[in-house]
Protein backbone atom coordinates (compact mmCIF):
# COMPACT_ATOMS: atom_id res chain seq x y z
CA GLU A 1 80.51 87.44 137.30
CA VAL A 2 84.25 87.19 137.01
CA ASP A 3 85.55 83.79 135.72
CA PHE A 4 89.38 84.41 135.66
CA TRP A 5 91.67 85.50 138.29
CA ASP A 6 93.34 88.01 135.93
CA SER A 7 90.23 89.63 134.30
CA TRP A 8 90.22 93.10 134.10
CA SER A 9 87.41 95.64 134.06
CA VAL A 10 87.80 98.66 131.83
CA GLN A 11 85.81 102.13 131.35
CA LEU A 12 86.16 104.76 128.97
CA PHE A 13 86.40 108.45 129.66
CA ARG A 14 86.29 111.63 127.45
CA SER A 15 86.87 115.49 127.53
CA ILE A 16 84.81 116.32 124.60
CA ASP A 17 81.66 118.66 123.82
CA ASN A 18 79.10 118.81 121.44
CA PHE A 19 81.08 120.55 118.95
CA SER A 20 83.39 117.73 118.39
CA ALA A 21 81.18 114.60 118.92
CA VAL A 22 77.55 113.71 118.44
CA MET A 23 76.30 113.25 122.25
CA GLU A 24 73.93 110.53 123.28
CA ASN A 25 72.25 112.55 125.73
CA ILE A 26 71.17 116.07 126.16
CA GLU A 27 74.31 117.21 128.03
CA PRO A 28 76.60 119.24 125.84
CA ILE A 29 79.83 118.49 127.54
CA ASP A 30 81.61 115.43 128.67
CA LYS A 31 84.26 115.65 131.18
CA SER A 32 84.17 112.34 132.57
CA ILE A 33 87.94 111.98 132.70
CA GLN A 34 87.85 114.71 135.50
CA MET A 35 84.73 113.14 136.99
CA ALA A 36 86.80 109.67 137.25
CA TYR A 37 89.50 111.31 138.73
CA LEU A 38 87.56 112.78 141.52
CA HIS A 39 85.66 109.70 142.09
CA HIS A 40 88.83 107.73 142.49
CA ILE A 41 90.58 110.24 144.89
CA ARG A 42 87.62 110.32 147.12
CA ARG A 43 87.36 106.47 147.46
CA ALA A 44 91.22 106.26 148.04
CA LYS A 45 92.30 104.69 151.29
CA ARG A 46 96.13 104.25 151.49
CA PHE A 47 97.84 106.38 148.56
CA ILE A 48 97.86 108.10 145.60
CA PHE A 49 100.79 107.90 142.92
CA ILE A 50 100.24 110.30 139.82
CA GLU A 51 102.53 111.08 136.66
CA ASN A 52 101.61 113.82 134.42
CA GLN A 53 102.85 116.62 132.11
CA TYR A 54 101.27 119.17 134.05
CA PHE A 55 99.86 119.89 137.50
CA LEU A 56 97.69 123.12 137.96
CA GLY A 57 94.21 123.73 139.27
CA SER A 58 91.73 124.50 142.04
CA ALA A 59 92.46 128.43 141.38
CA GLN A 60 89.27 129.15 143.54
CA GLY A 61 91.36 127.75 146.59
CA TRP A 62 94.68 129.59 145.93
CA GLU A 63 96.10 131.26 148.87
CA ASN A 64 95.31 135.18 149.50
CA GLU A 65 92.76 134.90 146.63
CA GLU A 66 95.49 134.83 144.09
CA GLY A 67 93.09 132.67 141.73
CA GLU A 68 90.42 135.44 141.65
CA GLY A 69 89.47 135.62 138.15
CA ILE A 70 91.51 132.75 136.96
CA ASP A 71 89.64 130.37 134.82
CA CYS A 72 91.38 127.22 136.03
CA LYS A 73 88.84 125.53 138.48
CA ASN A 74 89.37 121.95 137.97
CA LEU A 75 89.16 120.24 141.35
CA ILE A 76 91.87 117.55 141.31
CA PRO A 77 94.46 119.47 143.49
CA LEU A 78 91.86 120.34 145.80
CA GLU A 79 90.18 116.80 146.16
CA LEU A 80 93.58 115.51 146.81
CA THR A 81 94.32 117.99 149.46
CA MET A 82 90.96 117.28 151.13
CA LYS A 83 91.41 113.43 150.95
CA ILE A 84 94.82 114.13 152.81
CA ILE A 85 93.28 116.39 155.53
CA GLU A 86 90.64 113.97 156.06
CA HIS A 87 93.29 111.16 156.89
CA ILE A 88 95.15 113.58 159.26
CA LYS A 89 91.97 114.41 161.00
CA GLN A 90 91.56 110.74 161.44
CA ARG A 91 95.12 110.17 162.32
CA LYS A 92 95.71 107.55 159.67
CA PRO A 93 98.35 107.54 157.15
CA PHE A 94 97.92 108.76 153.65
CA THR A 95 100.41 109.73 150.97
CA VAL A 96 100.30 111.37 147.47
CA TYR A 97 103.28 111.17 145.26
CA VAL A 98 103.23 113.49 142.10
CA VAL A 99 105.95 113.35 139.37
CA LEU A 100 106.18 116.00 136.93
CA PRO A 101 108.58 117.28 134.48
CA MET A 102 111.19 119.73 135.96
CA TYR A 103 109.68 122.53 133.82
CA PRO A 104 106.95 122.37 130.93
CA GLU A 105 107.94 121.87 127.17
CA GLY A 106 110.07 124.62 125.78
CA ILE A 107 112.90 127.01 126.97
CA PRO A 108 112.53 127.41 130.90
CA ASP A 109 112.62 131.36 130.74
CA ASP A 110 110.19 131.45 127.78
CA GLY A 111 107.00 133.50 128.82
CA ALA A 112 104.60 130.72 128.43
CA VAL A 113 106.63 128.25 130.21
CA GLN A 114 107.48 130.64 133.20
CA GLU A 115 103.74 131.36 133.38
CA ILE A 116 102.67 127.76 133.68
CA LEU A 117 105.41 127.24 136.36
CA GLY A 118 103.91 130.06 138.07
CA TRP A 119 100.57 128.52 138.05
CA GLN A 120 101.80 125.12 139.15
CA TYR A 121 103.49 127.02 142.14
CA LYS A 122 100.25 128.39 143.22
CA THR A 123 98.68 125.16 143.05
CA ILE A 124 101.16 123.57 144.96
CA GLN A 125 101.40 126.45 147.68
CA MET A 126 97.78 126.11 148.22
CA MET A 127 97.89 122.37 148.93
CA TYR A 128 100.85 122.40 151.41
CA ALA A 129 99.34 125.55 153.08
CA ARG A 130 96.11 123.65 153.63
CA ILE A 131 97.80 120.40 154.85
CA TYR A 132 100.14 122.48 157.36
CA ARG A 133 97.07 124.32 158.86
CA ALA A 134 95.41 120.88 159.14
CA LEU A 135 98.49 119.25 161.02
CA GLU A 136 98.70 122.61 163.27
CA GLU A 137 94.72 122.12 164.05
CA GLU A 138 95.27 118.72 164.97
CA ASP A 139 98.58 119.40 166.87
CA LEU A 140 100.44 117.00 165.00
CA LEU A 141 103.45 119.28 163.78
CA GLU A 142 105.89 117.70 166.26
CA GLU A 143 105.61 114.29 165.09
CA SER A 144 104.58 114.79 161.22
CA LYS A 145 105.24 117.09 158.47
CA PRO A 146 103.29 118.27 155.24
CA GLU A 147 105.76 116.05 152.97
CA ASP A 148 104.79 113.06 155.02
CA TYR A 149 101.51 113.36 153.14
CA LEU A 150 102.46 115.02 149.93
CA LEU A 151 105.55 114.69 147.83
CA PHE A 152 106.64 116.28 144.30
CA PHE A 153 109.11 114.85 142.08
CA CYS A 154 110.67 115.53 138.70
CA MET A 155 113.39 113.34 136.74
CA GLY A 156 116.81 113.82 135.53
CA GLN A 157 119.95 112.25 134.46
CA ARG A 158 123.66 113.18 134.56
CA GLU A 159 126.70 111.39 133.38
CA THR A 160 130.32 111.61 133.15
CA GLU A 161 132.18 111.89 129.82
CA ASP A 162 133.47 108.42 130.17
CA GLY A 163 130.02 107.13 130.77
CA SER A 164 128.46 109.15 127.92
CA GLN A 165 127.50 107.88 124.31
CA ALA A 166 126.55 111.43 123.30
CA GLU A 167 128.02 112.56 119.96
CA GLU A 168 129.35 116.18 119.87
CA SER A 169 127.89 118.53 116.94
CA ASP A 170 130.32 120.28 114.51
CA CYS A 171 128.37 123.66 115.61
CA PRO A 172 127.17 123.35 119.22
CA SER A 173 124.49 125.67 120.26
CA PRO A 174 124.70 127.40 123.59
CA ASN A 175 122.72 124.77 125.18
CA GLU A 176 124.69 121.89 123.75
CA ILE A 177 127.87 123.89 125.25
CA ALA A 178 126.46 124.23 128.55
CA LEU A 179 125.17 120.39 128.75
CA LYS A 180 128.71 119.36 127.81
CA GLU A 181 130.04 121.24 130.72
CA SER A 182 127.47 120.35 133.67
CA ARG A 183 126.34 117.01 132.01
CA ARG A 184 123.08 117.14 133.12
CA PHE A 185 119.58 117.30 131.48
CA ALA A 186 115.90 117.08 132.50
CA ILE A 187 114.09 113.93 131.60
CA TYR A 188 110.80 115.03 130.57
CA VAL A 189 107.74 113.33 131.88
CA HIS A 190 104.78 113.03 129.36
CA SER A 191 102.84 110.45 131.05
CA LYS A 192 99.39 111.10 132.38
CA MET A 193 98.38 108.57 134.86
CA MET A 194 97.01 108.17 138.38
CA ILE A 195 97.39 104.91 140.48
CA VAL A 196 94.94 104.51 143.30
CA ASP A 197 95.78 101.99 146.34
CA ASP A 198 97.41 99.62 143.82
CA ASP A 199 93.34 99.09 143.19
CA TYR A 200 92.87 101.32 140.25
CA ILE A 201 94.69 102.90 137.50
CA ILE A 202 93.56 105.63 135.07
CA VAL A 203 95.75 106.57 132.14
CA GLY A 204 95.21 108.44 128.81
CA SER A 205 96.04 111.61 127.03
CA ALA A 206 94.58 114.31 129.71
CA ASN A 207 97.03 116.52 131.72
CA ILE A 208 95.99 117.95 134.91
CA ASN A 209 95.13 121.34 133.77
CA GLU A 210 92.12 123.29 132.67
CA ARG A 211 92.62 122.47 129.04
CA SER A 212 92.39 118.83 129.54
CA MET A 213 90.06 118.51 132.34
CA ASN A 214 87.33 121.31 131.36
CA GLY A 215 85.49 119.08 128.38
CA GLU A 216 84.97 122.36 126.47
CA ARG A 217 88.68 122.71 125.31
CA ASP A 218 91.04 120.15 124.44
CA THR A 219 89.60 116.93 123.49
CA GLU A 220 91.24 114.13 125.43
CA ILE A 221 90.52 110.17 126.13
CA ALA A 222 91.29 107.94 128.98
CA ILE A 223 90.67 104.59 130.56
CA GLY A 224 90.15 103.61 134.09
CA ALA A 225 90.71 100.09 134.80
CA TYR A 226 90.93 97.35 137.69
CA GLN A 227 91.02 93.72 138.28
CA PRO A 228 88.27 92.54 140.20
CA TYR A 229 90.36 89.70 141.96
CA PHE A 230 92.80 92.34 143.06
CA THR A 231 90.81 95.10 145.01
CA ASN A 232 90.89 96.80 148.34
CA GLU A 233 87.60 94.71 149.07
CA THR A 234 88.63 91.44 147.92
CA CYS A 235 92.51 91.76 149.31
CA SER A 236 92.20 93.58 152.99
CA ASN A 237 93.09 96.79 151.62
CA GLN A 238 96.40 95.15 150.34
CA PRO A 239 95.80 94.43 146.57
CA ARG A 240 98.73 92.54 144.63
CA GLY A 241 97.45 92.27 141.14
CA ASP A 242 98.97 93.88 138.12
CA ILE A 243 98.46 97.33 139.11
CA HIS A 244 100.64 96.74 142.09
CA GLY A 245 103.04 95.01 140.01
CA PHE A 246 103.50 97.91 137.47
CA ARG A 247 103.72 100.58 140.16
CA MET A 248 106.41 98.66 141.96
CA GLY A 249 108.15 98.06 138.61
CA LEU A 250 107.95 101.94 137.86
CA TRP A 251 109.37 102.70 141.25
CA SER A 252 112.25 100.30 141.17
CA SER A 253 113.01 101.79 137.74
CA HIS A 254 112.95 105.38 138.71
CA LEU A 255 114.93 104.74 141.91
CA ARG A 256 117.20 101.88 140.71
CA ARG A 257 116.09 99.84 143.81
CA THR A 258 113.45 98.00 145.53
CA LEU A 259 112.84 98.53 149.22
CA PRO A 260 110.18 96.78 151.59
CA CYS A 261 108.55 100.08 152.51
CA PHE A 262 107.53 100.37 148.79
CA LEU A 263 104.85 97.81 149.88
CA GLU A 264 103.36 100.41 152.15
CA PRO A 265 103.57 103.70 150.44
CA GLU A 266 101.21 105.25 152.57
CA SER A 267 103.44 105.14 155.43
CA ALA A 268 105.63 108.03 156.72
CA GLU A 269 108.38 105.63 156.50
CA CYS A 270 108.28 105.02 152.77
CA ALA A 271 107.23 108.91 152.31
CA ARG A 272 110.55 109.89 154.05
CA THR A 273 112.63 107.26 152.40
CA ILE A 274 111.71 108.26 148.99
CA ASN A 275 112.05 111.80 149.90
CA GLU A 276 115.51 111.30 150.99
CA ILE A 277 116.50 109.55 147.98
CA ALA A 278 115.22 111.83 145.88
CA SER A 279 116.81 114.55 147.74
CA GLU A 280 120.30 113.09 147.47
CA ASN A 281 119.56 112.54 143.74
CA TRP A 282 118.71 116.26 143.32
CA ARG A 283 121.96 117.17 145.03
CA LEU A 284 123.86 114.85 142.69
CA PHE A 285 122.03 116.42 139.63
CA ALA A 286 122.36 120.25 140.66
CA GLY A 287 125.93 120.11 142.33
CA ASP A 288 129.01 121.40 140.94
CA GLU A 289 130.75 117.97 140.81
CA VAL A 290 129.79 115.85 137.53
CA VAL A 291 128.81 112.44 138.74
CA GLU A 292 127.40 109.24 137.07
CA MET A 293 123.83 109.10 138.17
CA GLU A 294 122.67 105.82 136.66
CA GLU A 295 123.15 103.76 139.69
CA HIS A 296 121.34 106.23 141.90
CA GLY A 297 118.04 106.29 139.78
CA HIS A 298 116.63 109.27 137.89
CA LEU A 299 113.61 110.41 140.30
CA LEU A 300 114.65 114.03 141.44
CA LYS A 301 113.09 115.80 144.59
CA TYR A 302 111.12 118.72 142.88
CA PRO A 303 113.31 121.85 143.54
CA LEU A 304 110.90 123.40 146.07
CA ALA A 305 111.34 123.39 149.94
CA ILE A 306 108.58 123.48 152.41
CA THR A 307 109.47 126.11 155.21
CA SER A 308 108.94 125.49 158.78
CA ASN A 309 105.75 127.67 158.68
CA GLY A 310 104.40 125.84 155.58
CA LYS A 311 105.46 128.19 152.99
CA VAL A 312 106.71 126.88 149.62
CA VAL A 313 109.87 128.48 148.48
CA GLY A 314 112.13 127.38 145.36
CA LEU A 315 115.48 125.80 145.43
CA PRO A 316 118.46 126.52 144.65
CA ASN A 317 118.16 130.08 144.53
CA ASN A 318 114.90 129.60 143.03
CA VAL A 319 116.35 128.92 139.57
CA ILE A 320 116.42 125.67 137.17
CA PRO A 321 119.90 124.61 136.74
CA ASP A 322 121.64 125.79 133.89
CA THR A 323 119.28 128.63 133.48
CA GLU A 324 118.19 131.74 135.05
CA ALA A 325 114.44 130.70 134.92
CA PRO A 326 112.72 130.77 138.33
CA VAL A 327 111.42 127.42 139.34
CA THR A 328 108.18 129.31 140.93
CA GLY A 329 107.66 130.94 137.43
CA THR A 330 106.47 134.45 136.48
CA GLU A 331 103.47 136.11 135.37
CA SER A 332 103.18 137.26 131.70
CA ALA A 333 101.31 140.37 130.78
CA LEU A 334 101.27 139.60 127.01
CA ILE A 335 100.41 135.92 126.83
CA PRO A 336 96.39 135.24 127.29
CA ASN A 337 95.60 133.20 130.51
CA ILE A 338 93.69 130.81 128.39
CA LEU A 339 97.07 129.64 126.67
CA THR A 340 98.70 128.46 129.64
CA LEU A 341 96.01 127.16 131.84
C-alpha cells in the first residue's frame, strides 16, 4: 500500500557472475540489467528515451548476415525495433529517441573507436531497414517515414571567440589548433539511462553493448524506479510525476526551449519537430561559419541520413567534422572483437 503521493518503488539490477559475487541461487550469471531493459521495452505504450555511451547489439539480426560469428547478441536494439513495428502494424504512434556521443571515447580515427562506430552503424542500419520494410508492408510510406519512429542524436557546442572563456596554451597541439579555427567540439554523452512513457526510469553504469549486458563480462549496477501514483495505469497513460518532470527538464536543457509537443513525445509532430531542430543545430555545428550555439541548444542530429529506400548513410561526406574519420566506422583486422563489443 502506498501512503504518500510522492512515494517511489525502486529495484536493483546487476550484470555480474559467480566469479565476482556469491550468488543466492544456482544461476551462475545475473544479467538482470538487460532483462529489465527488455521487460520495460516490451511494456512501453508511447515512447522511449535513451541516453547511453554506446549503442550496439542484436548482431544476430544485422542486415545481410553481417553479424554472423559476431558475439554481440544483447537483444535491446532488436526489441526496440520490434516494439516500433508492433505499433506500426497497429497504426499507433510510438517513438524511440536515442542520444549518443558523436564518437566513442578516444581519437576518432583510432582503430578501436572506428570499429565500435562500425558495430554501431550495423546496429542502426538493421533497425531502420526493418522499420522501413514494416512501413512498406503496411502501405504507410506516403504518410510516415522511419524517423517518425526512431531518432538518433548526439551533442555538441560551438562558440565564437567573443563568447568563449577558453584560454590558449603556450604550445597548442594540432587538435587545439583545429579547435581554435572551427570553435566546435563534441559534448561527450556518458549517461546510461532509459525513460519509458514518463512512467519508469532505469539508470546506472551499464552501456548498451555486450560487455555491459552479457552478465559474464563487465560488472555493472543499475536501478529501476517508478512512482506508484504516476504510472500509465493510474494516470490514463499520461503520468506527470517526477520522471516526467526530469525528462522535460532534460529536453529543455538540450534544446534550450520547451514546446507543447514535448508533452506528446510519441507523436510524429514531436519527432519531426525535434528532428528539425537537431538538424538545424547540426548545420550550425558542421558549417563553415563560426556561430554561437548556446541559444540554439546542444542536441544535434546524429550525422546519419535515411535514404528514400531505407538505407543508412553517413553525413557530411561520411566523416566526423575536423577529422578524416568515417562516421560509419571501419573494421580492424588487428583488434580482437571482444575488446570493442
